[in-house]
Each structure stands twice: as structure tokens, then as C-alpha cells.
């Protein structure tokens, strides 16, 4: 399926407008995004119950925390690796929710081979290409060596250039990519014979779609994601 894309700059503008004239809060957008990620995992990996969620320091990481909560409630066994937790109340609250559900927070990746799926929620579209620092450089290196475990990437594969695709040092090509709000140009760089591509985040109305020149996707029923 062909699709229109949002550059990193325009994606940031869309988010800002959604949270101003659009009337959404960051909490709502993160909840809907994380639910989309969880649903894509559910559709693509119904039997791979042991899930490792790699959480970065920004909003992409918050989407991962939300996804972990939903997956736990749906019968999965998520563990979270969150090496640089945020002190912002929103993120502290998300972390508390997971701990109250007895979701495991792990301190290292020594047991990575025990997992059946990795959710890559490290970096989002605001990531500055070519600037992967520790501890995330080592995290990506470890994931890239665990080639037997499929990856689901949130919005963009971590370490890739949002507009131009794969960069040396970025995470390996995911088995699933979940584009949020609308695909970014990086989505045109994936190998569609190897990667399933979903769009999620049902918070864009017709006026927003027309203003920013993006597709108004026709989701089915109550689905939160649409396979492209």
C-alpha cells in the first residue's frame, strides 16, 4: 500500500497542535500510541509471550511502558529494560503502574536469549541521527547480536535516520514497524518482504489530515492499528 509520510519536523508540529488546538494531553496521546503498539504485537506475535521491552528516555519510551502494561493484561509476560528512567511525573506514574502489575524490571541484558520478542521503544522521530550514546549504544549492539529474536520497532527503528533510513550503529531491521499518527520517510526504507508495517494512533481527524497532507486511514471497527 502506498502512503504519505511526515518528516520529523512536521511530525513534531502535528504533535504540538494535537496538544494545543487539538485538545489532547500528552498522557492521552501516549496511551493511544502504546495501545497501538501492544495491538500490533498481539496481531503479529500471538504465541510469543515472553517479551522484552527496551525503553528509552523520551516519549517513545513512554509508549513502550504503556504497551508493556497492555500486553501484561492480555496474558503476555513482559519484562522492561529501562536504563535511564525519567523523573517526570508522567513517566514515574507509568513505571508505578507496571510495578503494581508485578512486571519485571531487569538490570541488564544477560538473559536476552530467554525472550521471544523485543519491543524497540528506545528512540523516536526526534532522535538526532548518528548520536547514539551509552548505555543505548551497548543495548543496540546486544540486540543486533540476538538475531534469532524478532524486533517490533515503535515509530522508527532506533538509531535510524527518520528521513533517510538505516545508519551504521542502528538497530537491525525489525520484523514489525508501527508508525504512529502517520508513517515517517524511514518507512519507505524497510524491506516489505521482511517487515510487517502497521500504522496506529487513532487521533487524527479530517482537518488535521488535510492540513498536513497525510492519509486519513480507514481503521476497521475498534482496531487501533491498520496493516499497510
C-alpha atoms as a PDB file:
ATOM      1  CA  UNK A   1       0.000   0.000   0.000  1.00  0.00           C
ATOM      2  CA  UNK A   2       1.333   3.437  -0.898  1.00  0.00           C
ATOM      3  CA  UNK A   3       1.244   6.078   1.825  1.00  0.00           C
ATOM      4  CA  UNK A   4       2.102   9.686   2.525  1.00  0.00           C
ATOM      5  CA  UNK A   5       4.791  10.432   5.095  1.00  0.00           C
ATOM      6  CA  UNK A   6       5.587  13.029   7.758  1.00  0.00           C
ATOM      7  CA  UNK A   7       9.100  14.411   8.160  1.00  0.00           C
ATOM      8  CA  UNK A   8      10.487  14.698  11.692  1.00  0.00           C
ATOM      9  CA  UNK A   9       9.896  18.464  11.641  1.00  0.00           C
ATOM     10  CA  UNK A  10       6.279  18.182  10.547  1.00  0.00           C
ATOM     11  CA  UNK A  11       5.612  15.255  12.916  1.00  0.00           C
ATOM     12  CA  UNK A  12       6.708  17.473  15.810  1.00  0.00           C
ATOM     13  CA  UNK A  13       4.363  20.213  14.584  1.00  0.00           C
ATOM     14  CA  UNK A  14       1.475  17.744  14.415  1.00  0.00           C
ATOM     15  CA  UNK A  15       2.128  16.593  17.978  1.00  0.00           C
ATOM     16  CA  UNK A  16       2.243  20.173  19.238  1.00  0.00           C
ATOM     17  CA  UNK A  17      -1.010  21.055  17.509  1.00  0.00           C
ATOM     18  CA  UNK A  18      -2.719  17.911  18.786  1.00  0.00           C
ATOM     19  CA  UNK A  19      -1.800  19.036  22.307  1.00  0.00           C
ATOM     20  CA  UNK A  20      -2.953  22.630  21.774  1.00  0.00           C
ATOM     21  CA  UNK A  21      -5.857  23.268  19.426  1.00  0.00           C
ATOM     22  CA  UNK A  22      -6.459  19.512  19.199  1.00  0.00           C
ATOM     23  CA  UNK A  23      -7.331  19.326  22.890  1.00  0.00           C
ATOM     24  CA  UNK A  24      -5.269  16.217  23.663  1.00  0.00           C
ATOM     25  CA  UNK A  25      -2.889  15.791  26.585  1.00  0.00           C
ATOM     26  CA  UNK A  26       0.460  14.037  26.271  1.00  0.00           C
ATOM     27  CA  UNK A  27      -0.942  11.328  28.550  1.00  0.00           C
ATOM     28  CA  UNK A  28      -3.775  10.605  26.116  1.00  0.00           C
ATOM     29  CA  UNK A  29      -1.530  10.502  23.061  1.00  0.00           C
ATOM     30  CA  UNK A  30       0.930   8.209  24.810  1.00  0.00           C
ATOM     31  CA  UNK A  31      -1.844   5.887  25.961  1.00  0.00           C
ATOM     32  CA  UNK A  32      -3.289   5.591  22.452  1.00  0.00           C
ATOM     33  CA  UNK A  33       0.156   5.126  20.908  1.00  0.00           C
ATOM     34  CA  UNK A  34       1.145   2.451  23.413  1.00  0.00           C
ATOM     35  CA  UNK A  35      -2.159   0.651  22.904  1.00  0.00           C
ATOM     36  CA  UNK A  36      -1.467   0.618  19.157  1.00  0.00           C
ATOM     37  CA  UNK A  37       1.969  -0.888  19.739  1.00  0.00           C
ATOM     38  CA  UNK A  38       0.530  -3.578  22.001  1.00  0.00           C
ATOM     39  CA  UNK A  39      -2.174  -4.449  19.472  1.00  0.00           C
ATOM     40  CA  UNK A  40       0.373  -4.751  16.657  1.00  0.00           C
ATOM     41  CA  UNK A  41       2.388  -7.118  18.852  1.00  0.00           C
ATOM     42  CA  UNK A  42      -0.763  -9.108  19.638  1.00  0.00           C
ATOM     43  CA  UNK A  43      -1.670  -9.426  15.954  1.00  0.00           C
ATOM     44  CA  UNK A  44       1.850 -10.278  14.783  1.00  0.00           C
ATOM     45  CA  UNK A  45       3.089 -12.439  17.657  1.00  0.00           C
ATOM     46  CA  UNK A  46       0.104 -14.160  19.292  1.00  0.00           C
ATOM     47  CA  UNK A  47       2.208 -17.030  20.651  1.00  0.00           C
ATOM     48  CA  UNK A  48       5.459 -15.243  21.536  1.00  0.00           C
ATOM     49  CA  UNK A  49       4.513 -14.416  25.117  1.00  0.00           C
ATOM     50  CA  UNK A  50       7.909 -13.602  26.643  1.00  0.00           C
ATOM     51  CA  UNK A  51       8.509 -10.010  25.582  1.00  0.00           C
ATOM     52  CA  UNK A  52      11.430  -7.714  26.337  1.00  0.00           C
ATOM     53  CA  UNK A  53      10.528  -4.021  26.151  1.00  0.00           C
ATOM     54  CA  UNK A  54      13.521  -1.723  25.648  1.00  0.00           C
ATOM     55  CA  UNK A  55      12.589   1.709  26.975  1.00  0.00           C
ATOM     56  CA  UNK A  56      14.367   4.921  26.035  1.00  0.00           C
ATOM     57  CA  UNK A  57      14.422   8.250  27.872  1.00  0.00           C
ATOM     58  CA  UNK A  58      11.714  10.099  25.900  1.00  0.00           C
ATOM     59  CA  UNK A  59       8.131   9.801  24.719  1.00  0.00           C
ATOM     60  CA  UNK A  60       8.951   6.783  22.558  1.00  0.00           C
ATOM     61  CA  UNK A  61       9.963   5.039  25.756  1.00  0.00           C
ATOM     62  CA  UNK A  62       6.689   6.085  27.353  1.00  0.00           C
ATOM     63  CA  UNK A  63       4.831   4.393  24.504  1.00  0.00           C
ATOM     64  CA  UNK A  64       6.792   1.254  25.331  1.00  0.00           C
ATOM     65  CA  UNK A  65       5.816   1.411  29.008  1.00  0.00           C
ATOM     66  CA  UNK A  66       2.144   1.713  28.061  1.00  0.00           C
ATOM     67  CA  UNK A  67       2.473  -1.198  25.634  1.00  0.00           C
ATOM     68  CA  UNK A  68       4.030  -3.352  28.360  1.00  0.00           C
ATOM     69  CA  UNK A  69       1.027  -2.726  30.628  1.00  0.00           C
ATOM     70  CA  UNK A  70      -1.488  -3.722  27.964  1.00  0.00           C
ATOM     71  CA  UNK A  71       0.478  -6.823  26.995  1.00  0.00           C
ATOM     72  CA  UNK A  72       0.607  -7.939  30.624  1.00  0.00           C
ATOM     73  CA  UNK A  73      -3.166  -7.585  30.896  1.00  0.00           C
ATOM     74  CA  UNK A  74      -3.563  -9.597  27.682  1.00  0.00           C
ATOM     75  CA  UNK A  75      -1.650 -12.582  29.011  1.00  0.00           C
ATOM     76  CA  UNK A  76       1.904 -11.826  27.881  1.00  0.00           C
ATOM     77  CA  UNK A  77       4.964 -11.918  30.124  1.00  0.00           C
ATOM     78  CA  UNK A  78       6.713  -8.592  29.503  1.00  0.00           C
ATOM     79  CA  UNK A  79       9.964  -7.549  31.115  1.00  0.00           C
ATOM     80  CA  UNK A  80      11.247  -3.986  30.906  1.00  0.00           C
ATOM     81  CA  UNK A  81      14.794  -2.739  30.475  1.00  0.00           C
ATOM     82  CA  UNK A  82      14.764   0.960  31.395  1.00  0.00           C
ATOM     83  CA  UNK A  83      18.356   2.081  31.977  1.00  0.00           C
ATOM     84  CA  UNK A  84      17.673   5.840  32.139  1.00  0.00           C
ATOM     85  CA  UNK A  85      14.320   6.303  33.890  1.00  0.00           C
ATOM     86  CA  UNK A  86      12.722   9.734  33.732  1.00  0.00           C
ATOM     87  CA  UNK A  87      11.858  11.692  36.873  1.00  0.00           C
ATOM     88  CA  UNK A  88       8.874  13.370  35.183  1.00  0.00           C
ATOM     89  CA  UNK A  89       5.588  12.570  36.968  1.00  0.00           C
ATOM     90  CA  UNK A  90       4.022  11.041  33.839  1.00  0.00           C
ATOM     91  CA  UNK A  91       6.833   8.513  33.468  1.00  0.00           C
ATOM     92  CA  UNK A  92       7.062   7.817  37.194  1.00  0.00           C
ATOM     93  CA  UNK A  93       3.350   7.033  37.115  1.00  0.00           C
ATOM     94  CA  UNK A  94       3.725   4.667  34.164  1.00  0.00           C
ATOM     95  CA  UNK A  95       6.577   2.890  35.924  1.00  0.00           C
ATOM     96  CA  UNK A  96       4.495   2.564  39.100  1.00  0.00           C
ATOM     97  CA  UNK A  97       1.602   1.058  37.131  1.00  0.00           C
ATOM     98  CA  UNK A  98       3.880  -1.657  35.773  1.00  0.00           C
ATOM     99  CA  UNK A  99       5.385  -2.452  39.151  1.00  0.00           C
ATOM    100  CA  UNK A 100       1.907  -2.737  40.641  1.00  0.00           C
ATOM    101  CA  UNK A 101       1.180  -5.364  37.971  1.00  0.00           C
ATOM    102  CA  UNK A 102       4.377  -7.189  39.018  1.00  0.00           C
ATOM    103  CA  UNK A 103       6.049  -6.575  35.666  1.00  0.00           C
ATOM    104  CA  UNK A 104       9.744  -7.299  35.976  1.00  0.00           C
ATOM    105  CA  UNK A 105      12.285  -4.506  35.504  1.00  0.00           C
ATOM    106  CA  UNK A 106      15.629  -6.066  34.621  1.00  0.00           C
ATOM    107  CA  UNK A 107      19.038  -4.527  35.293  1.00  0.00           C
ATOM    108  CA  UNK A 108      20.967  -5.958  32.341  1.00  0.00           C
ATOM    109  CA  UNK A 109      20.524  -7.890  29.113  1.00  0.00           C
ATOM    110  CA  UNK A 110      22.365 -11.044  30.146  1.00  0.00           C
ATOM    111  CA  UNK A 111      19.163 -13.085  29.789  1.00  0.00           C
ATOM    112  CA  UNK A 112      18.141 -11.653  26.405  1.00  0.00           C
ATOM    113  CA  UNK A 113      18.101 -15.125  24.822  1.00  0.00           C
ATOM    114  CA  UNK A 114      15.141 -16.064  27.053  1.00  0.00           C
ATOM    115  CA  UNK A 115      12.794 -13.716  25.196  1.00  0.00           C
ATOM    116  CA  UNK A 116      10.692 -14.387  22.108  1.00  0.00           C
ATOM    117  CA  UNK A 117      10.069 -10.778  21.050  1.00  0.00           C
ATOM    118  CA  UNK A 118      11.852  -7.465  21.556  1.00  0.00           C
ATOM    119  CA  UNK A 119       9.918  -4.199  21.510  1.00  0.00           C
ATOM    120  CA  UNK A 120      12.220  -1.375  20.463  1.00  0.00           C
ATOM    121  CA  UNK A 121      10.931   1.762  22.209  1.00  0.00           C
ATOM    122  CA  UNK A 122      14.307   3.460  22.580  1.00  0.00           C
ATOM    123  CA  UNK A 123      14.384   6.421  20.185  1.00  0.00           C
ATOM    124  CA  UNK A 124      11.593   8.176  18.294  1.00  0.00           C
ATOM    125  CA  UNK A 125      11.406  10.634  15.422  1.00  0.00           C
ATOM    126  CA  UNK A 126      13.180  13.411  17.369  1.00  0.00           C
ATOM    127  CA  UNK A 127      16.385  11.351  17.657  1.00  0.00           C
ATOM    128  CA  UNK A 128      19.425  13.126  16.236  1.00  0.00           C
ATOM    129  CA  UNK A 129      20.903  10.725  13.712  1.00  0.00           C
ATOM    130  CA  UNK A 130      24.382   9.409  14.402  1.00  0.00           C
ATOM    131  CA  UNK A 131      24.301  10.368  18.068  1.00  0.00           C
ATOM    132  CA  UNK A 132      23.847   7.052  19.895  1.00  0.00           C
ATOM    133  CA  UNK A 133      25.380   7.276  23.348  1.00  0.00           C
ATOM    134  CA  UNK A 134      25.758   4.799  26.167  1.00  0.00           C
ATOM    135  CA  UNK A 135      24.014   2.930  27.578  1.00  0.00           C
ATOM    136  CA  UNK A 136      21.915   2.667  24.410  1.00  0.00           C
ATOM    137  CA  UNK A 137      24.834   2.013  22.087  1.00  0.00           C
ATOM    138  CA  UNK A 138      25.573  -1.188  24.012  1.00  0.00           C
ATOM    139  CA  UNK A 139      21.869  -2.049  24.163  1.00  0.00           C
ATOM    140  CA  UNK A 140      21.560  -1.876  20.380  1.00  0.00           C
ATOM    141  CA  UNK A 141      24.785  -3.842  19.902  1.00  0.00           C
ATOM    142  CA  UNK A 142      23.421  -6.603  22.148  1.00  0.00           C
ATOM    143  CA  UNK A 143      20.084  -6.706  20.334  1.00  0.00           C
ATOM    144  CA  UNK A 144      21.792  -6.833  16.956  1.00  0.00           C
ATOM    145  CA  UNK A 145      23.683  -9.951  18.014  1.00  0.00           C
ATOM    146  CA  UNK A 146      20.487 -11.707  19.166  1.00  0.00           C
ATOM    147  CA  UNK A 147      19.364 -12.252  15.585  1.00  0.00           C
ATOM    148  CA  UNK A 148      17.030 -15.125  16.483  1.00  0.00           C
ATOM    149  CA  UNK A 149      14.644 -12.746  18.302  1.00  0.00           C
ATOM    150  CA  UNK A 150      12.272 -10.635  16.173  1.00  0.00           C
ATOM    151  CA  UNK A 151      12.002  -6.904  16.821  1.00  0.00           C
ATOM    152  CA  UNK A 152       8.944  -4.668  16.824  1.00  0.00           C
ATOM    153  CA  UNK A 153      10.014  -1.028  16.444  1.00  0.00           C
ATOM    154  CA  UNK A 154       7.924   1.882  17.700  1.00  0.00           C
ATOM    155  CA  UNK A 155       7.572   4.600  15.024  1.00  0.00           C
ATOM    156  CA  UNK A 156      11.146   4.268  13.715  1.00  0.00           C
ATOM    157  CA  UNK A 157      13.842   1.629  14.182  1.00  0.00           C
ATOM    158  CA  UNK A 158      16.126   3.062  16.871  1.00  0.00           C
ATOM    159  CA  UNK A 159      19.259   4.705  15.563  1.00  0.00           C
ATOM    160  CA  UNK A 160      17.958   5.069  12.009  1.00  0.00           C
ATOM    161  CA  UNK A 161      17.667   8.475  10.362  1.00  0.00           C
ATOM    162  CA  UNK A 162      13.972   9.342  10.377  1.00  0.00           C
ATOM    163  CA  UNK A 163      14.131  10.787   6.877  1.00  0.00           C
ATOM    164  CA  UNK A 164      16.842   8.673   5.219  1.00  0.00           C
ATOM    165  CA  UNK A 165      16.780   5.198   6.759  1.00  0.00           C
ATOM    166  CA  UNK A 166      19.378   2.859   8.206  1.00  0.00           C
ATOM    167  CA  UNK A 167      22.591   4.214   9.701  1.00  0.00           C
ATOM    168  CA  UNK A 168      25.594   2.241  10.885  1.00  0.00           C
ATOM    169  CA  UNK A 169      25.121   1.503  14.569  1.00  0.00           C
ATOM    170  CA  UNK A 170      21.341   1.481  14.347  1.00  0.00           C
ATOM    171  CA  UNK A 171      19.184  -1.428  15.387  1.00  0.00           C
ATOM    172  CA  UNK A 172      18.789  -4.241  12.850  1.00  0.00           C
ATOM    173  CA  UNK A 173      15.774  -4.301  10.575  1.00  0.00           C
ATOM    174  CA  UNK A 174      12.615  -5.021  12.580  1.00  0.00           C
ATOM    175  CA  UNK A 175      10.096  -7.745  11.837  1.00  0.00           C
ATOM    176  CA  UNK A 176       7.346  -5.210  12.556  1.00  0.00           C
ATOM    177  CA  UNK A 177       7.265  -1.419  12.319  1.00  0.00           C
ATOM    178  CA  UNK A 178       4.427   0.518  13.950  1.00  0.00           C
ATOM    179  CA  UNK A 179       4.170   4.027  12.501  1.00  0.00           C
ATOM    180  CA  UNK A 180       2.370   6.401  14.867  1.00  0.00           C
ATOM    181  CA  UNK A 181      -0.013   9.084  13.557  1.00  0.00           C
ATOM    182  CA  UNK A 182       1.430   8.588  10.058  1.00  0.00           C
ATOM    183  CA  UNK A 183       4.465   6.858   8.539  1.00  0.00           C
ATOM    184  CA  UNK A 184       7.756   8.724   8.578  1.00  0.00           C
ATOM    185  CA  UNK A 185      10.007   8.678   5.481  1.00  0.00           C
ATOM    186  CA  UNK A 186      12.077   5.914   7.100  1.00  0.00           C
ATOM    187  CA  UNK A 187       9.117   3.573   6.499  1.00  0.00           C
ATOM    188  CA  UNK A 188       9.909   3.696   2.782  1.00  0.00           C
ATOM    189  CA  UNK A 189      13.362   2.257   3.542  1.00  0.00           C
ATOM    190  CA  UNK A 190      12.225  -1.001   5.104  1.00  0.00           C
ATOM    191  CA  UNK A 191      12.194  -4.272   3.197  1.00  0.00           C
ATOM    192  CA  UNK A 192       8.499  -5.074   2.937  1.00  0.00           C
ATOM    193  CA  UNK A 193       9.288  -8.727   2.234  1.00  0.00           C
ATOM    194  CA  UNK A 194      10.755  -8.966   5.746  1.00  0.00           C
ATOM    195  CA  UNK A 195       8.942  -6.309   7.755  1.00  0.00           C
ATOM    196  CA  UNK A 196       5.230  -6.004   8.512  1.00  0.00           C
ATOM    197  CA  UNK A 197       4.158  -2.367   8.620  1.00  0.00           C
ATOM    198  CA  UNK A 198       1.288  -1.034  10.707  1.00  0.00           C
ATOM    199  CA  UNK A 199       0.019   2.485  11.270  1.00  0.00           C
ATOM    200  CA  UNK A 200      -1.533   3.309  14.627  1.00  0.00           C
ATOM    201  CA  UNK A 201      -2.684   6.157  16.823  1.00  0.00           C
ATOM    202  CA  UNK A 202      -6.302   6.897  16.002  1.00  0.00           C
ATOM    203  CA  UNK A 203      -6.284  10.555  16.979  1.00  0.00           C
ATOM    204  CA  UNK A 204      -6.069  12.340  13.617  1.00  0.00           C
ATOM    205  CA  UNK A 205      -9.262  13.884  12.267  1.00  0.00           C
ATOM    206  CA  UNK A 206     -10.028  15.043   8.758  1.00  0.00           C
ATOM    207  CA  UNK A 207      -8.953  18.656   9.335  1.00  0.00           C
ATOM    208  CA  UNK A 208      -5.538  17.590  10.626  1.00  0.00           C
ATOM    209  CA  UNK A 209      -5.066  15.137   7.777  1.00  0.00           C
ATOM    210  CA  UNK A 210      -5.894  17.758   5.162  1.00  0.00           C
ATOM    211  CA  UNK A 211      -3.737  20.444   6.779  1.00  0.00           C
ATOM    212  CA  UNK A 212      -0.647  18.256   6.956  1.00  0.00           C
ATOM    213  CA  UNK A 213      -1.227  16.258   3.787  1.00  0.00           C
ATOM    214  CA  UNK A 214      -1.418  12.844   5.420  1.00  0.00           C
ATOM    215  CA  UNK A 215      -3.720   9.914   4.802  1.00  0.00           C
ATOM    216  CA  UNK A 216      -6.881   9.554   6.859  1.00  0.00           C
ATOM    217  CA  UNK A 217      -6.746   5.813   7.376  1.00  0.00           C
ATOM    218  CA  UNK A 218      -9.896   3.714   7.449  1.00  0.00           C
ATOM    219  CA  UNK A 219      -9.408   1.545  10.507  1.00  0.00           C
ATOM    220  CA  UNK A 220     -11.645  -1.477  10.931  1.00  0.00           C
ATOM    221  CA  UNK A 221     -14.151  -1.344  13.770  1.00  0.00           C
ATOM    222  CA  UNK A 222     -12.375  -0.803  17.067  1.00  0.00           C
ATOM    223  CA  UNK A 223      -8.906  -1.757  15.784  1.00  0.00           C
ATOM    224  CA  UNK A 224      -6.138   0.591  16.879  1.00  0.00           C
ATOM    225  CA  UNK A 225      -3.790  -0.386  14.044  1.00  0.00           C
ATOM    226  CA  UNK A 226      -4.069  -0.889  10.307  1.00  0.00           C
ATOM    227  CA  UNK A 227      -1.688  -3.066   8.327  1.00  0.00           C
ATOM    228  CA  UNK A 228      -0.228  -1.218   5.347  1.00  0.00           C
END
